[in-house]
Amino acid sequence: MTQGAPMTLSVIVPVLNDAIHLRTLSQRLKNLPHIREIIVSDGGSKDEVEAVVGEFSLTLVSGARGRGSQMNKGAETATGEILWFLHADTLPATNATESILGAIRDPRTVGGAFRFHLAEPRWYGPLLNVAVNLRSKWFSMPYGDQGFFVRREVFERIGGFPDIPIMEDVEFLPRVKPEGDIALLDTPIEISPRRWDREGFLKRTLLNWLLMLRWRRGASPEDLLKFYRPGDVPPQESGLNS
């Protein structure tokens, strides 16, 4: 990197049959500065993911299904100084990359995440927005749908995401925190309400609480996956949502 030049970002998007959302996300990302590359890590999609990759000149990598392993696969290809992990059904703000670079200018900051904002109006939206952002602030525990970013050297030093089928985001942050500060940005990231729409707000919230409780009590990722009945939902959606 040239002395004084802004750091560059590699965006990594794990997908599984997410072509529609990937197209919307790519349209936004292509207009953001400081992005060196957008890497789509596919876990075996049967839809039009490859067509979207070609349409927007993205980089495609393929590997084993599972969000943690897919994000690690994408990171292996990345060349930017900052790795930015985005779920396909999220939409970052137009000033997102500037916000990341502003936070990373502090040498003590090794990574961070964005402020949660539900993308579409729902009766539970204001409550969910407040609850998620308070949890993120009080417990320094944002979830993966809030757009994790991390310095690449830190990511490589800690060994990336744990290769587990669920809760990879919950396990990731405790690995990062000893390396330095985690920035919780005020810049919002829009989150699709599709899970809450499908499962219902109360059911989705209760499932999140029960998953976290069982995890804290030592349940294995495999047991949690059985508890969640992943066959009822796309595998890429198994696990916690903010």
C-alpha atoms as a PDB file:
ATOM      1  CA  MET A   1       0.000   0.000   0.000  1.00  0.00           C
ATOM      2  CA  THR A   2       1.300   3.437  -0.962  1.00  0.00           C
ATOM      3  CA  GLN A   3       2.190   5.617   2.016  1.00  0.00           C
ATOM      4  CA  GLY A   4      -0.868   7.670   2.937  1.00  0.00           C
ATOM      5  CA  ALA A   5      -3.211   5.842   0.542  1.00  0.00           C
ATOM      6  CA  PRO A   6      -6.493   4.481   1.946  1.00  0.00           C
ATOM      7  CA  MET A   7      -6.577   0.816   2.814  1.00  0.00           C
ATOM      8  CA  THR A   8      -8.513  -1.405   0.430  1.00  0.00           C
ATOM      9  CA  LEU A   9     -11.347  -3.773   1.188  1.00  0.00           C
ATOM     10  CA  SER A  10     -12.124  -7.257  -0.017  1.00  0.00           C
ATOM     11  CA  VAL A  11     -15.836  -8.007   0.260  1.00  0.00           C
ATOM     12  CA  ILE A  12     -16.706 -11.659   0.873  1.00  0.00           C
ATOM     13  CA  VAL A  13     -20.287 -12.845   0.390  1.00  0.00           C
ATOM     14  CA  PRO A  14     -21.229 -16.455   1.231  1.00  0.00           C
ATOM     15  CA  VAL A  15     -24.199 -17.591  -0.866  1.00  0.00           C
ATOM     16  CA  LEU A  16     -26.511 -20.528  -1.341  1.00  0.00           C
ATOM     17  CA  ASN A  17     -29.300 -19.916  -3.848  1.00  0.00           C
ATOM     18  CA  ASP A  18     -29.159 -16.179  -3.140  1.00  0.00           C
ATOM     19  CA  ALA A  19     -29.074 -14.825  -6.703  1.00  0.00           C
ATOM     20  CA  ILE A  20     -31.871 -12.287  -6.226  1.00  0.00           C
ATOM     21  CA  HIS A  21     -30.369 -10.783  -3.090  1.00  0.00           C
ATOM     22  CA  LEU A  22     -26.838 -10.973  -4.510  1.00  0.00           C
ATOM     23  CA  ARG A  23     -27.869  -8.866  -7.502  1.00  0.00           C
ATOM     24  CA  THR A  24     -29.288  -6.126  -5.255  1.00  0.00           C
ATOM     25  CA  LEU A  25     -26.226  -6.196  -3.002  1.00  0.00           C
ATOM     26  CA  SER A  26     -23.839  -6.083  -5.979  1.00  0.00           C
ATOM     27  CA  GLN A  27     -25.582  -3.039  -7.422  1.00  0.00           C
ATOM     28  CA  ARG A  28     -24.905  -1.219  -4.164  1.00  0.00           C
ATOM     29  CA  LEU A  29     -21.339  -2.432  -3.711  1.00  0.00           C
ATOM     30  CA  LYS A  30     -20.275  -1.489  -7.230  1.00  0.00           C
ATOM     31  CA  ASN A  31     -20.892   2.164  -6.368  1.00  0.00           C
ATOM     32  CA  LEU A  32     -18.825   2.161  -3.164  1.00  0.00           C
ATOM     33  CA  PRO A  33     -15.197   3.373  -3.129  1.00  0.00           C
ATOM     34  CA  HIS A  34     -12.102   1.563  -1.839  1.00  0.00           C
ATOM     35  CA  ILE A  35     -13.382  -1.940  -2.678  1.00  0.00           C
ATOM     36  CA  ARG A  36     -10.633  -3.940  -4.364  1.00  0.00           C
ATOM     37  CA  GLU A  37     -12.742  -7.009  -5.103  1.00  0.00           C
ATOM     38  CA  ILE A  38     -16.060  -8.669  -4.369  1.00  0.00           C
ATOM     39  CA  ILE A  39     -15.668 -12.382  -3.744  1.00  0.00           C
ATOM     40  CA  VAL A  40     -18.740 -14.615  -3.886  1.00  0.00           C
ATOM     41  CA  SER A  41     -18.204 -17.878  -2.023  1.00  0.00           C
ATOM     42  CA  ASP A  42     -20.764 -20.392  -3.239  1.00  0.00           C
ATOM     43  CA  GLY A  43     -21.793 -23.473  -1.307  1.00  0.00           C
ATOM     44  CA  GLY A  44     -23.563 -25.214  -4.184  1.00  0.00           C
ATOM     45  CA  SER A  45     -26.232 -22.872  -5.524  1.00  0.00           C
ATOM     46  CA  LYS A  46     -28.780 -24.143  -8.043  1.00  0.00           C
ATOM     47  CA  ASP A  47     -30.107 -20.734  -9.055  1.00  0.00           C
ATOM     48  CA  GLU A  48     -28.610 -17.897 -11.130  1.00  0.00           C
ATOM     49  CA  VAL A  49     -25.692 -17.017  -8.834  1.00  0.00           C
ATOM     50  CA  GLU A  50     -23.113 -17.590 -11.583  1.00  0.00           C
ATOM     51  CA  ALA A  51     -25.021 -15.295 -13.933  1.00  0.00           C
ATOM     52  CA  VAL A  52     -25.004 -12.512 -11.340  1.00  0.00           C
ATOM     53  CA  VAL A  53     -21.274 -13.028 -10.789  1.00  0.00           C
ATOM     54  CA  GLY A  54     -20.689 -12.580 -14.508  1.00  0.00           C
ATOM     55  CA  GLU A  55     -23.029  -9.608 -14.789  1.00  0.00           C
ATOM     56  CA  PHE A  56     -21.117  -7.627 -12.157  1.00  0.00           C
ATOM     57  CA  SER A  57     -17.620  -9.037 -12.833  1.00  0.00           C
ATOM     58  CA  LEU A  58     -17.352 -10.547  -9.370  1.00  0.00           C
ATOM     59  CA  THR A  59     -14.902 -13.233  -8.258  1.00  0.00           C
ATOM     60  CA  LEU A  60     -16.450 -16.661  -7.699  1.00  0.00           C
ATOM     61  CA  VAL A  61     -15.050 -19.391  -5.465  1.00  0.00           C
ATOM     62  CA  SER A  62     -16.788 -22.641  -4.616  1.00  0.00           C
ATOM     63  CA  GLY A  63     -16.413 -25.043  -1.737  1.00  0.00           C
ATOM     64  CA  ALA A  64     -18.123 -26.973   1.009  1.00  0.00           C
ATOM     65  CA  ARG A  65     -21.502 -25.721   2.180  1.00  0.00           C
ATOM     66  CA  GLY A  66     -21.548 -23.844   5.482  1.00  0.00           C
ATOM     67  CA  ARG A  67     -21.268 -20.127   6.103  1.00  0.00           C
ATOM     68  CA  GLY A  68     -18.085 -20.322   8.207  1.00  0.00           C
ATOM     69  CA  SER A  69     -16.198 -22.507   5.752  1.00  0.00           C
ATOM     70  CA  GLN A  70     -17.470 -20.461   2.802  1.00  0.00           C
ATOM     71  CA  MET A  71     -16.246 -17.211   4.340  1.00  0.00           C
ATOM     72  CA  ASN A  72     -12.869 -18.784   5.039  1.00  0.00           C
ATOM     73  CA  LYS A  73     -12.707 -19.982   1.434  1.00  0.00           C
ATOM     74  CA  GLY A  74     -13.391 -16.474   0.193  1.00  0.00           C
ATOM     75  CA  ALA A  75     -10.791 -14.996   2.528  1.00  0.00           C
ATOM     76  CA  GLU A  76      -8.127 -17.286   1.053  1.00  0.00           C
ATOM     77  CA  THR A  77      -8.566 -15.474  -2.264  1.00  0.00           C
ATOM     78  CA  ALA A  78      -8.770 -11.951  -0.833  1.00  0.00           C
ATOM     79  CA  THR A  79      -6.003  -9.402  -1.408  1.00  0.00           C
ATOM     80  CA  GLY A  80      -7.397  -6.340   0.398  1.00  0.00           C
ATOM     81  CA  GLU A  81      -6.030  -5.142   3.730  1.00  0.00           C
ATOM     82  CA  ILE A  82      -9.504  -5.317   5.253  1.00  0.00           C
ATOM     83  CA  LEU A  83     -11.896  -8.251   4.931  1.00  0.00           C
ATOM     84  CA  TRP A  84     -15.572  -7.311   4.945  1.00  0.00           C
ATOM     85  CA  PHE A  85     -18.053 -10.178   5.327  1.00  0.00           C
ATOM     86  CA  LEU A  86     -21.586  -9.530   4.110  1.00  0.00           C
ATOM     87  CA  HIS A  87     -24.643 -11.756   4.058  1.00  0.00           C
ATOM     88  CA  ALA A  88     -26.290 -11.693   0.637  1.00  0.00           C
ATOM     89  CA  ASP A  89     -29.598 -10.384   1.990  1.00  0.00           C
ATOM     90  CA  THR A  90     -28.086  -7.296   3.617  1.00  0.00           C
ATOM     91  CA  LEU A  91     -27.609  -3.838   2.132  1.00  0.00           C
ATOM     92  CA  PRO A  92     -24.855  -1.531   3.435  1.00  0.00           C
ATOM     93  CA  ALA A  93     -25.217   2.242   3.483  1.00  0.00           C
ATOM     94  CA  THR A  94     -23.695   4.365   0.725  1.00  0.00           C
ATOM     95  CA  ASN A  95     -21.047   5.623   3.180  1.00  0.00           C
ATOM     96  CA  ALA A  96     -20.235   2.160   4.549  1.00  0.00           C
ATOM     97  CA  THR A  97     -16.689   1.880   3.212  1.00  0.00           C
ATOM     98  CA  GLU A  98     -15.801   5.377   4.407  1.00  0.00           C
ATOM     99  CA  SER A  99     -17.113   4.415   7.843  1.00  0.00           C
ATOM    100  CA  ILE A 100     -14.942   1.301   7.904  1.00  0.00           C
ATOM    101  CA  LEU A 101     -11.828   3.218   6.910  1.00  0.00           C
ATOM    102  CA  GLY A 102     -12.590   5.903   9.477  1.00  0.00           C
ATOM    103  CA  ALA A 103     -12.713   3.285  12.219  1.00  0.00           C
ATOM    104  CA  ILE A 104      -9.627   1.420  11.025  1.00  0.00           C
ATOM    105  CA  ARG A 105      -7.541   4.600  11.043  1.00  0.00           C
ATOM    106  CA  ASP A 106      -7.250   4.014  14.775  1.00  0.00           C
ATOM    107  CA  PRO A 107      -4.425   1.459  15.004  1.00  0.00           C
ATOM    108  CA  ARG A 108      -6.054  -0.034  18.098  1.00  0.00           C
ATOM    109  CA  THR A 109      -9.136  -1.022  16.084  1.00  0.00           C
ATOM    110  CA  VAL A 110      -8.898  -4.460  14.485  1.00  0.00           C
ATOM    111  CA  GLY A 111     -12.461  -4.889  13.282  1.00  0.00           C
ATOM    112  CA  GLY A 112     -16.072  -4.003  13.776  1.00  0.00           C
ATOM    113  CA  ALA A 113     -19.677  -4.176  12.634  1.00  0.00           C
ATOM    114  CA  PHE A 114     -22.569  -1.927  11.652  1.00  0.00           C
ATOM    115  CA  ARG A 115     -25.764  -0.730  13.316  1.00  0.00           C
ATOM    116  CA  PHE A 116     -28.678  -3.074  12.680  1.00  0.00           C
ATOM    117  CA  HIS A 117     -31.674  -1.694  10.779  1.00  0.00           C
ATOM    118  CA  LEU A 118     -34.534  -3.809   9.458  1.00  0.00           C
ATOM    119  CA  ALA A 119     -34.808  -3.176   5.726  1.00  0.00           C
ATOM    120  CA  GLU A 120     -38.601  -3.035   5.410  1.00  0.00           C
ATOM    121  CA  PRO A 121     -41.329  -1.631   7.696  1.00  0.00           C
ATOM    122  CA  ARG A 122     -42.730  -4.198  10.128  1.00  0.00           C
ATOM    123  CA  TRP A 123     -44.701  -3.749  13.344  1.00  0.00           C
ATOM    124  CA  TYR A 124     -41.810  -5.210  15.325  1.00  0.00           C
ATOM    125  CA  GLY A 125     -39.118  -3.263  13.447  1.00  0.00           C
ATOM    126  CA  PRO A 126     -38.493  -0.433  15.948  1.00  0.00           C
ATOM    127  CA  LEU A 127     -38.369  -2.899  18.854  1.00  0.00           C
ATOM    128  CA  LEU A 128     -36.003  -5.226  17.024  1.00  0.00           C
ATOM    129  CA  ASN A 129     -33.713  -2.393  15.942  1.00  0.00           C
ATOM    130  CA  VAL A 130     -33.398  -1.069  19.496  1.00  0.00           C
ATOM    131  CA  ALA A 131     -32.952  -4.501  21.088  1.00  0.00           C
ATOM    132  CA  VAL A 132     -30.265  -5.666  18.660  1.00  0.00           C
ATOM    133  CA  ASN A 133     -28.266  -2.468  18.863  1.00  0.00           C
ATOM    134  CA  LEU A 134     -28.414  -2.389  22.655  1.00  0.00           C
ATOM    135  CA  ARG A 135     -27.201  -5.992  22.774  1.00  0.00           C
ATOM    136  CA  SER A 136     -24.377  -5.162  20.391  1.00  0.00           C
ATOM    137  CA  LYS A 137     -23.335  -2.172  22.501  1.00  0.00           C
ATOM    138  CA  TRP A 138     -23.759  -3.562  26.014  1.00  0.00           C
ATOM    139  CA  PHE A 139     -22.252  -6.979  25.354  1.00  0.00           C
ATOM    140  CA  SER A 140     -19.981  -6.071  22.405  1.00  0.00           C
ATOM    141  CA  MET A 141     -21.727  -8.894  20.559  1.00  0.00           C
ATOM    142  CA  PRO A 142     -22.924  -8.026  17.058  1.00  0.00           C
ATOM    143  CA  TYR A 143     -23.968 -10.948  14.885  1.00  0.00           C
ATOM    144  CA  GLY A 144     -22.742 -11.838  11.419  1.00  0.00           C
ATOM    145  CA  ASP A 145     -25.600 -10.146   9.579  1.00  0.00           C
ATOM    146  CA  GLN A 146     -24.280  -6.801  10.864  1.00  0.00           C
ATOM    147  CA  GLY A 147     -21.424  -6.833   8.364  1.00  0.00           C
ATOM    148  CA  PHE A 148     -18.270  -7.912  10.202  1.00  0.00           C
ATOM    149  CA  PHE A 149     -15.032  -6.348   8.997  1.00  0.00           C
ATOM    150  CA  VAL A 150     -11.550  -7.232  10.223  1.00  0.00           C
ATOM    151  CA  ARG A 151      -7.934  -6.527   9.345  1.00  0.00           C
ATOM    152  CA  ARG A 152      -6.707  -9.337   7.124  1.00  0.00           C
ATOM    153  CA  GLU A 153      -3.564  -9.977   9.151  1.00  0.00           C
ATOM    154  CA  VAL A 154      -5.680 -10.383  12.288  1.00  0.00           C
ATOM    155  CA  PHE A 155      -8.081 -12.744  10.513  1.00  0.00           C
ATOM    156  CA  GLU A 156      -5.188 -14.889   9.345  1.00  0.00           C
ATOM    157  CA  ARG A 157      -3.497 -14.833  12.751  1.00  0.00           C
ATOM    158  CA  ILE A 158      -6.579 -16.142  14.581  1.00  0.00           C
ATOM    159  CA  GLY A 159      -7.286 -18.795  11.964  1.00  0.00           C
ATOM    160  CA  GLY A 160     -10.445 -17.292  10.492  1.00  0.00           C
ATOM    161  CA  PHE A 161     -13.945 -18.445  11.305  1.00  0.00           C
ATOM    162  CA  PRO A 162     -14.403 -21.719  13.170  1.00  0.00           C
ATOM    163  CA  ASP A 163     -15.327 -24.519  10.785  1.00  0.00           C
ATOM    164  CA  ILE A 164     -18.619 -25.366  12.462  1.00  0.00           C
ATOM    165  CA  PRO A 165     -22.106 -25.677  10.912  1.00  0.00           C
ATOM    166  CA  ILE A 166     -23.751 -23.061  13.120  1.00  0.00           C
ATOM    167  CA  MET A 167     -22.843 -20.202  15.522  1.00  0.00           C
ATOM    168  CA  GLU A 168     -19.668 -19.361  13.615  1.00  0.00           C
ATOM    169  CA  ASP A 169     -20.255 -15.642  14.144  1.00  0.00           C
ATOM    170  CA  VAL A 170     -20.769 -16.041  17.902  1.00  0.00           C
ATOM    171  CA  GLU A 171     -17.492 -17.956  18.155  1.00  0.00           C
ATOM    172  CA  PHE A 172     -15.589 -15.585  15.880  1.00  0.00           C
ATOM    173  CA  LEU A 173     -15.716 -12.387  17.944  1.00  0.00           C
ATOM    174  CA  PRO A 174     -14.119 -13.871  21.090  1.00  0.00           C
ATOM    175  CA  ARG A 175     -11.177 -14.804  18.870  1.00  0.00           C
ATOM    176  CA  VAL A 176     -10.894 -11.254  17.542  1.00  0.00           C
ATOM    177  CA  LYS A 177     -11.339  -9.283  20.785  1.00  0.00           C
ATOM    178  CA  PRO A 178      -7.927 -10.144  22.319  1.00  0.00           C
ATOM    179  CA  GLU A 179      -6.292  -8.653  19.205  1.00  0.00           C
ATOM    180  CA  GLY A 180      -7.646  -5.131  19.749  1.00  0.00           C
ATOM    181  CA  ASP A 181     -10.741  -2.939  19.782  1.00  0.00           C
ATOM    182  CA  ILE A 182     -14.014  -3.792  18.041  1.00  0.00           C
ATOM    183  CA  ALA A 183     -15.750  -0.749  16.537  1.00  0.00           C
ATOM    184  CA  LEU A 184     -19.555  -0.651  16.591  1.00  0.00           C
ATOM    185  CA  LEU A 185     -20.331   1.840  13.858  1.00  0.00           C
ATOM    186  CA  ASP A 186     -23.336   4.137  13.914  1.00  0.00           C
ATOM    187  CA  THR A 187     -23.660   3.649  10.160  1.00  0.00           C
ATOM    188  CA  PRO A 188     -26.619   1.330   9.500  1.00  0.00           C
ATOM    189  CA  ILE A 189     -26.778  -1.856   7.506  1.00  0.00           C
ATOM    190  CA  GLU A 190     -30.188  -2.933   6.250  1.00  0.00           C
ATOM    191  CA  ILE A 191     -31.202  -6.487   7.130  1.00  0.00           C
ATOM    192  CA  SER A 192     -33.839  -8.456   5.234  1.00  0.00           C
ATOM    193  CA  PRO A 193     -36.876  -9.403   7.353  1.00  0.00           C
ATOM    194  CA  ARG A 194     -37.316 -12.688   5.461  1.00  0.00           C
ATOM    195  CA  ARG A 195     -36.634 -14.929   8.467  1.00  0.00           C
ATOM    196  CA  TRP A 196     -39.061 -13.107  10.712  1.00  0.00           C
ATOM    197  CA  ASP A 197     -41.626 -13.037   7.914  1.00  0.00           C
ATOM    198  CA  ARG A 198     -41.372 -16.776   7.426  1.00  0.00           C
ATOM    199  CA  GLU A 199     -41.133 -17.902  11.043  1.00  0.00           C
ATOM    200  CA  GLY A 200     -42.872 -15.078  12.868  1.00  0.00           C
ATOM    201  CA  PHE A 201     -41.241 -12.502  15.116  1.00  0.00           C
ATOM    202  CA  LEU A 202     -41.972 -14.247  18.416  1.00  0.00           C
ATOM    203  CA  LYS A 203     -40.931 -17.703  17.206  1.00  0.00           C
ATOM    204  CA  ARG A 204     -37.729 -16.376  15.615  1.00  0.00           C
ATOM    205  CA  THR A 205     -36.817 -14.439  18.745  1.00  0.00           C
ATOM    206  CA  LEU A 206     -37.499 -17.412  21.017  1.00  0.00           C
ATOM    207  CA  LEU A 207     -35.401 -19.676  18.800  1.00  0.00           C
ATOM    208  CA  ASN A 208     -32.521 -17.206  18.983  1.00  0.00           C
ATOM    209  CA  TRP A 209     -32.681 -17.131  22.771  1.00  0.00           C
ATOM    210  CA  LEU A 210     -32.885 -20.912  23.067  1.00  0.00           C
ATOM    211  CA  LEU A 211     -30.014 -21.444  20.652  1.00  0.00           C
ATOM    212  CA  MET A 212     -27.813 -19.034  22.577  1.00  0.00           C
ATOM    213  CA  LEU A 213     -28.787 -20.574  25.919  1.00  0.00           C
ATOM    214  CA  ARG A 214     -28.018 -24.092  24.745  1.00  0.00           C
ATOM    215  CA  TRP A 215     -24.751 -22.891  23.217  1.00  0.00           C
ATOM    216  CA  ARG A 216     -23.669 -21.247  26.465  1.00  0.00           C
ATOM    217  CA  ARG A 217     -24.486 -24.473  28.294  1.00  0.00           C
ATOM    218  CA  GLY A 218     -22.134 -26.429  26.069  1.00  0.00           C
ATOM    219  CA  ALA A 219     -24.343 -27.898  23.348  1.00  0.00           C
ATOM    220  CA  SER A 220     -22.391 -28.939  20.271  1.00  0.00           C
ATOM    221  CA  PRO A 221     -22.974 -27.231  16.917  1.00  0.00           C
ATOM    222  CA  GLU A 222     -24.343 -30.519  15.579  1.00  0.00           C
ATOM    223  CA  ASP A 223     -26.893 -30.751  18.414  1.00  0.00           C
ATOM    224  CA  LEU A 224     -27.934 -27.157  17.849  1.00  0.00           C
ATOM    225  CA  LEU A 225     -28.426 -27.825  14.162  1.00  0.00           C
ATOM    226  CA  LYS A 226     -30.722 -30.759  14.971  1.00  0.00           C
ATOM    227  CA  PHE A 227     -32.591 -28.614  17.499  1.00  0.00           C
ATOM    228  CA  TYR A 228     -33.149 -25.943  14.879  1.00  0.00           C
ATOM    229  CA  ARG A 229     -34.438 -28.459  12.303  1.00  0.00           C
ATOM    230  CA  PRO A 230     -32.331 -27.075   9.447  1.00  0.00           C
ATOM    231  CA  GLY A 231     -34.234 -29.118   6.887  1.00  0.00           C
ATOM    232  CA  ASP A 232     -37.079 -26.640   7.282  1.00  0.00           C
ATOM    233  CA  VAL A 233     -34.990 -23.686   6.090  1.00  0.00           C
ATOM    234  CA  PRO A 234     -32.238 -23.050   3.552  1.00  0.00           C
ATOM    235  CA  PRO A 235     -28.950 -24.286   5.128  1.00  0.00           C
ATOM    236  CA  GLN A 236     -27.370 -20.870   4.687  1.00  0.00           C
ATOM    237  CA  GLU A 237     -29.998 -19.451   7.055  1.00  0.00           C
ATOM    238  CA  SER A 238     -29.473 -21.918   9.903  1.00  0.00           C
ATOM    239  CA  GLY A 239     -28.496 -20.285  13.165  1.00  0.00           C
ATOM    240  CA  LEU A 240     -28.747 -16.944  14.854  1.00  0.00           C
ATOM    241  CA  ASN A 241     -30.073 -13.843  13.243  1.00  0.00           C
ATOM    242  CA  SER A 242     -29.863 -10.482  14.966  1.00  0.00           C
END
